[in-house]
Amino acid sequence: HLAALDHAQKTGDVFAIALGLEGMGATLIAGGETAQGVQLISAGLATRDRSGAPLPAGEHGDVDRALDKAVADLGVVGVDEAKATGADLDLDEVLAFASRQ
């Protein structure tokens, strides 16, 4: 995911950046780094919203499954807090955050 995210950043492909963040987030959640994963998914979704390219309906499944697992791990309040943190990151912050994961 990091290589794809790096390439997307270099080409300025916002859709690919968001997809990379969401994929990394889901992977982190699956690996037990749930709060960080939720933050990346939220940052990806926020990036999509800011750019006017929302997550296509057919791609909600992976994100929804990851967030369902996150709720099971952290509870609703924990997920909401992590979502808020991720959504507040600007693109430079989120890319720096993602590269540290």
N, C-alpha and C. Protein backbone atom coordinates (compact mmCIF):
# COMPACT_ATOMS: atom_id res chain seq x y z
N HIS A 1 0.81 -1.19 0.00
CA HIS A 1 0.00 0.00 0.00
C HIS A 1 0.86 1.26 0.00
N LEU A 2 2.01 1.21 0.69
CA LEU A 2 2.86 2.39 0.75
C LEU A 2 3.39 2.78 -0.62
N ALA A 3 3.81 1.81 -1.41
CA ALA A 3 4.33 2.12 -2.75
C ALA A 3 3.23 2.72 -3.62
N ALA A 4 2.04 2.17 -3.55
CA ALA A 4 0.93 2.72 -4.33
C ALA A 4 0.58 4.11 -3.86
N LEU A 5 0.59 4.33 -2.57
CA LEU A 5 0.29 5.65 -2.02
C LEU A 5 1.35 6.66 -2.45
N ASP A 6 2.59 6.25 -2.43
CA ASP A 6 3.68 7.13 -2.86
C ASP A 6 3.52 7.51 -4.33
N HIS A 7 3.21 6.53 -5.16
CA HIS A 7 3.00 6.80 -6.59
C HIS A 7 1.80 7.73 -6.79
N ALA A 8 0.72 7.48 -6.08
CA ALA A 8 -0.47 8.32 -6.21
C ALA A 8 -0.17 9.75 -5.80
N GLN A 9 0.62 9.91 -4.75
CA GLN A 9 0.99 11.25 -4.30
C GLN A 9 1.82 11.96 -5.37
N LYS A 10 2.76 11.26 -5.96
CA LYS A 10 3.63 11.87 -6.99
C LYS A 10 2.84 12.27 -8.22
N THR A 11 1.80 11.52 -8.54
CA THR A 11 1.02 11.83 -9.74
C THR A 11 -0.16 12.75 -9.42
N GLY A 12 -0.42 13.00 -8.14
CA GLY A 12 -1.52 13.87 -7.75
C GLY A 12 -2.90 13.24 -7.93
N ASP A 13 -2.95 11.92 -7.99
CA ASP A 13 -4.21 11.20 -8.19
C ASP A 13 -4.94 11.07 -6.85
N VAL A 14 -5.86 12.01 -6.59
CA VAL A 14 -6.56 12.05 -5.31
C VAL A 14 -7.37 10.78 -5.07
N PHE A 15 -8.01 10.26 -6.11
CA PHE A 15 -8.79 9.03 -5.97
C PHE A 15 -7.88 7.89 -5.50
N ALA A 16 -6.71 7.77 -6.10
CA ALA A 16 -5.77 6.70 -5.73
C ALA A 16 -5.20 6.93 -4.33
N ILE A 17 -4.98 8.18 -3.97
CA ILE A 17 -4.51 8.48 -2.61
C ILE A 17 -5.55 8.00 -1.60
N ALA A 18 -6.80 8.36 -1.83
CA ALA A 18 -7.86 7.94 -0.92
C ALA A 18 -7.96 6.42 -0.85
N LEU A 19 -7.91 5.78 -2.00
CA LEU A 19 -7.98 4.32 -2.04
C LEU A 19 -6.83 3.69 -1.27
N GLY A 20 -5.63 4.24 -1.42
CA GLY A 20 -4.47 3.74 -0.69
C GLY A 20 -4.62 3.90 0.81
N LEU A 21 -5.13 5.05 1.24
CA LEU A 21 -5.34 5.29 2.66
C LEU A 21 -6.37 4.32 3.23
N GLU A 22 -7.44 4.13 2.49
CA GLU A 22 -8.49 3.21 2.95
C GLU A 22 -7.96 1.78 3.02
N GLY A 23 -7.18 1.38 2.02
CA GLY A 23 -6.60 0.03 2.03
C GLY A 23 -5.63 -0.17 3.16
N MET A 24 -4.76 0.82 3.39
CA MET A 24 -3.83 0.73 4.52
C MET A 24 -4.59 0.67 5.83
N GLY A 25 -5.64 1.48 5.93
CA GLY A 25 -6.44 1.49 7.15
C GLY A 25 -7.06 0.15 7.43
N ALA A 26 -7.64 -0.46 6.41
CA ALA A 26 -8.26 -1.77 6.58
C ALA A 26 -7.22 -2.82 6.98
N THR A 27 -6.03 -2.72 6.41
CA THR A 27 -4.96 -3.66 6.75
C THR A 27 -4.52 -3.49 8.20
N LEU A 28 -4.40 -2.24 8.64
CA LEU A 28 -4.03 -1.99 10.03
C LEU A 28 -5.09 -2.52 10.99
N ILE A 29 -6.36 -2.30 10.67
CA ILE A 29 -7.44 -2.81 11.51
C ILE A 29 -7.36 -4.33 11.60
N ALA A 30 -7.16 -4.99 10.47
CA ALA A 30 -7.06 -6.45 10.45
C ALA A 30 -5.89 -6.93 11.28
N GLY A 31 -4.82 -6.12 11.34
CA GLY A 31 -3.63 -6.48 12.10
C GLY A 31 -3.66 -6.06 13.55
N GLY A 32 -4.76 -5.46 14.00
CA GLY A 32 -4.89 -5.10 15.40
C GLY A 32 -4.51 -3.67 15.75
N GLU A 33 -4.09 -2.89 14.76
CA GLU A 33 -3.78 -1.48 15.00
C GLU A 33 -5.02 -0.66 14.61
N THR A 34 -6.06 -0.88 15.39
CA THR A 34 -7.40 -0.46 15.01
C THR A 34 -7.57 1.05 14.95
N ALA A 35 -7.16 1.76 15.97
CA ALA A 35 -7.36 3.22 15.98
C ALA A 35 -6.63 3.88 14.81
N GLN A 36 -5.39 3.45 14.56
CA GLN A 36 -4.64 4.00 13.45
C GLN A 36 -5.31 3.68 12.12
N GLY A 37 -5.83 2.47 12.01
CA GLY A 37 -6.52 2.08 10.79
C GLY A 37 -7.76 2.90 10.53
N VAL A 38 -8.54 3.13 11.58
CA VAL A 38 -9.74 3.95 11.44
C VAL A 38 -9.36 5.37 11.03
N GLN A 39 -8.30 5.89 11.61
CA GLN A 39 -7.85 7.24 11.25
C GLN A 39 -7.51 7.32 9.77
N LEU A 40 -6.83 6.32 9.24
CA LEU A 40 -6.48 6.33 7.81
C LEU A 40 -7.71 6.18 6.92
N ILE A 41 -8.62 5.30 7.29
CA ILE A 41 -9.85 5.18 6.51
C ILE A 41 -10.60 6.50 6.51
N SER A 42 -10.73 7.10 7.68
CA SER A 42 -11.44 8.37 7.79
C SER A 42 -10.75 9.45 6.97
N ALA A 43 -9.43 9.47 7.00
CA ALA A 43 -8.68 10.45 6.21
C ALA A 43 -8.91 10.22 4.71
N GLY A 44 -8.96 8.96 4.30
CA GLY A 44 -9.24 8.66 2.90
C GLY A 44 -10.62 9.11 2.48
N LEU A 45 -11.60 8.84 3.33
CA LEU A 45 -12.97 9.27 3.02
C LEU A 45 -13.09 10.79 3.00
N ALA A 46 -12.40 11.46 3.93
CA ALA A 46 -12.41 12.93 3.95
C ALA A 46 -11.72 13.50 2.72
N THR A 47 -10.64 12.86 2.29
CA THR A 47 -9.94 13.29 1.08
C THR A 47 -10.88 13.19 -0.12
N ARG A 48 -11.62 12.10 -0.18
CA ARG A 48 -12.61 11.93 -1.26
C ARG A 48 -13.66 13.04 -1.21
N ASP A 49 -14.19 13.30 -0.03
CA ASP A 49 -15.23 14.31 0.12
C ASP A 49 -14.72 15.69 -0.30
N ARG A 50 -13.52 16.03 0.14
CA ARG A 50 -12.96 17.35 -0.20
C ARG A 50 -12.71 17.50 -1.69
N SER A 51 -12.42 16.39 -2.36
CA SER A 51 -12.12 16.47 -3.79
C SER A 51 -13.35 16.24 -4.66
N GLY A 52 -14.48 15.95 -4.02
CA GLY A 52 -15.70 15.71 -4.79
C GLY A 52 -15.76 14.34 -5.44
N ALA A 53 -15.00 13.39 -4.91
CA ALA A 53 -14.97 12.04 -5.47
C ALA A 53 -15.32 11.03 -4.38
N PRO A 54 -16.59 10.98 -3.95
CA PRO A 54 -16.97 10.08 -2.86
C PRO A 54 -16.72 8.61 -3.20
N LEU A 55 -16.64 7.80 -2.17
CA LEU A 55 -16.44 6.36 -2.35
C LEU A 55 -17.59 5.78 -3.16
N PRO A 56 -17.28 5.14 -4.29
CA PRO A 56 -18.35 4.53 -5.09
C PRO A 56 -19.11 3.48 -4.29
N ALA A 57 -20.39 3.38 -4.55
CA ALA A 57 -21.26 2.46 -3.81
C ALA A 57 -20.71 1.04 -3.80
N GLY A 58 -20.17 0.59 -4.91
CA GLY A 58 -19.66 -0.77 -5.02
C GLY A 58 -18.41 -1.04 -4.20
N GLU A 59 -17.78 0.01 -3.69
CA GLU A 59 -16.55 -0.15 -2.92
C GLU A 59 -16.75 0.03 -1.42
N HIS A 60 -17.98 0.19 -1.00
CA HIS A 60 -18.25 0.37 0.43
C HIS A 60 -18.01 -0.89 1.25
N GLY A 61 -18.10 -2.05 0.63
CA GLY A 61 -18.02 -3.31 1.36
C GLY A 61 -16.76 -3.46 2.19
N ASP A 62 -15.59 -3.23 1.58
CA ASP A 62 -14.33 -3.39 2.31
C ASP A 62 -14.22 -2.40 3.46
N VAL A 63 -14.58 -1.16 3.19
CA VAL A 63 -14.52 -0.13 4.24
C VAL A 63 -15.50 -0.46 5.36
N ASP A 64 -16.71 -0.83 4.98
CA ASP A 64 -17.72 -1.16 6.00
C ASP A 64 -17.30 -2.34 6.86
N ARG A 65 -16.74 -3.37 6.24
CA ARG A 65 -16.28 -4.55 7.01
C ARG A 65 -15.16 -4.15 7.98
N ALA A 66 -14.23 -3.34 7.51
CA ALA A 66 -13.14 -2.91 8.39
C ALA A 66 -13.67 -2.08 9.55
N LEU A 67 -14.60 -1.18 9.26
CA LEU A 67 -15.15 -0.34 10.33
C LEU A 67 -16.01 -1.15 11.29
N ASP A 68 -16.70 -2.18 10.80
CA ASP A 68 -17.46 -3.07 11.69
C ASP A 68 -16.51 -3.77 12.68
N LYS A 69 -15.37 -4.24 12.17
CA LYS A 69 -14.38 -4.88 13.04
C LYS A 69 -13.84 -3.86 14.04
N ALA A 70 -13.63 -2.64 13.57
CA ALA A 70 -13.12 -1.59 14.46
C ALA A 70 -14.10 -1.32 15.60
N VAL A 71 -15.38 -1.29 15.30
CA VAL A 71 -16.39 -1.08 16.35
C VAL A 71 -16.33 -2.23 17.35
N ALA A 72 -16.15 -3.45 16.87
CA ALA A 72 -16.04 -4.59 17.77
C ALA A 72 -14.80 -4.47 18.66
N ASP A 73 -13.72 -3.91 18.11
CA ASP A 73 -12.46 -3.76 18.86
C ASP A 73 -12.49 -2.58 19.82
N LEU A 74 -12.98 -1.43 19.35
CA LEU A 74 -12.86 -0.18 20.10
C LEU A 74 -14.16 0.34 20.70
N GLY A 75 -15.28 -0.18 20.20
CA GLY A 75 -16.57 0.38 20.58
C GLY A 75 -16.89 1.59 19.70
N VAL A 76 -18.13 1.99 19.74
CA VAL A 76 -18.59 3.10 18.89
C VAL A 76 -17.87 4.39 19.22
N VAL A 77 -17.72 4.68 20.52
CA VAL A 77 -17.08 5.94 20.92
C VAL A 77 -15.63 5.97 20.46
N GLY A 78 -14.90 4.87 20.62
CA GLY A 78 -13.50 4.82 20.18
C GLY A 78 -13.37 5.01 18.69
N VAL A 79 -14.26 4.39 17.93
CA VAL A 79 -14.23 4.55 16.47
C VAL A 79 -14.57 5.98 16.09
N ASP A 80 -15.57 6.56 16.74
CA ASP A 80 -15.94 7.95 16.44
C ASP A 80 -14.78 8.91 16.72
N GLU A 81 -14.08 8.68 17.81
CA GLU A 81 -12.92 9.53 18.13
C GLU A 81 -11.82 9.38 17.08
N ALA A 82 -11.53 8.14 16.68
CA ALA A 82 -10.50 7.91 15.67
C ALA A 82 -10.91 8.49 14.33
N LYS A 83 -12.19 8.37 13.98
CA LYS A 83 -12.68 8.97 12.73
C LYS A 83 -12.48 10.48 12.74
N ALA A 84 -12.81 11.11 13.86
CA ALA A 84 -12.68 12.57 13.95
C ALA A 84 -11.23 12.99 13.80
N THR A 85 -10.33 12.25 14.41
CA THR A 85 -8.90 12.56 14.29
C THR A 85 -8.45 12.43 12.84
N GLY A 86 -8.82 11.35 12.18
CA GLY A 86 -8.41 11.13 10.79
C GLY A 86 -9.00 12.15 9.85
N ALA A 87 -10.26 12.50 10.05
CA ALA A 87 -10.93 13.45 9.16
C ALA A 87 -10.34 14.85 9.26
N ASP A 88 -9.75 15.18 10.41
CA ASP A 88 -9.19 16.51 10.62
C ASP A 88 -7.79 16.68 10.03
N LEU A 89 -7.16 15.59 9.61
CA LEU A 89 -5.81 15.69 9.04
C LEU A 89 -5.88 16.25 7.62
N ASP A 90 -4.97 17.17 7.30
CA ASP A 90 -4.90 17.61 5.91
C ASP A 90 -4.06 16.58 5.15
N LEU A 91 -4.02 16.70 3.84
CA LEU A 91 -3.39 15.66 3.02
C LEU A 91 -1.92 15.46 3.36
N ASP A 92 -1.17 16.51 3.58
CA ASP A 92 0.24 16.36 3.95
C ASP A 92 0.40 15.63 5.28
N GLU A 93 -0.45 15.97 6.24
CA GLU A 93 -0.39 15.31 7.54
C GLU A 93 -0.73 13.84 7.43
N VAL A 94 -1.76 13.52 6.66
CA VAL A 94 -2.18 12.13 6.56
C VAL A 94 -1.15 11.30 5.80
N LEU A 95 -0.52 11.87 4.80
CA LEU A 95 0.51 11.12 4.08
C LEU A 95 1.72 10.87 4.98
N ALA A 96 2.08 11.85 5.80
CA ALA A 96 3.17 11.65 6.76
C ALA A 96 2.78 10.60 7.78
N PHE A 97 1.55 10.66 8.27
CA PHE A 97 1.04 9.67 9.23
C PHE A 97 1.06 8.27 8.62
N ALA A 98 0.59 8.15 7.39
CA ALA A 98 0.54 6.85 6.73
C ALA A 98 1.94 6.27 6.55
N SER A 99 2.90 7.11 6.24
CA SER A 99 4.25 6.60 6.02
C SER A 99 4.90 6.10 7.30
N ARG A 100 4.39 6.52 8.46
CA ARG A 100 4.92 6.05 9.75
C ARG A 100 4.29 4.73 10.17
N GLN A 101 3.23 4.30 9.54
CA GLN A 101 2.52 3.09 9.96
C GLN A 101 3.19 1.84 9.44
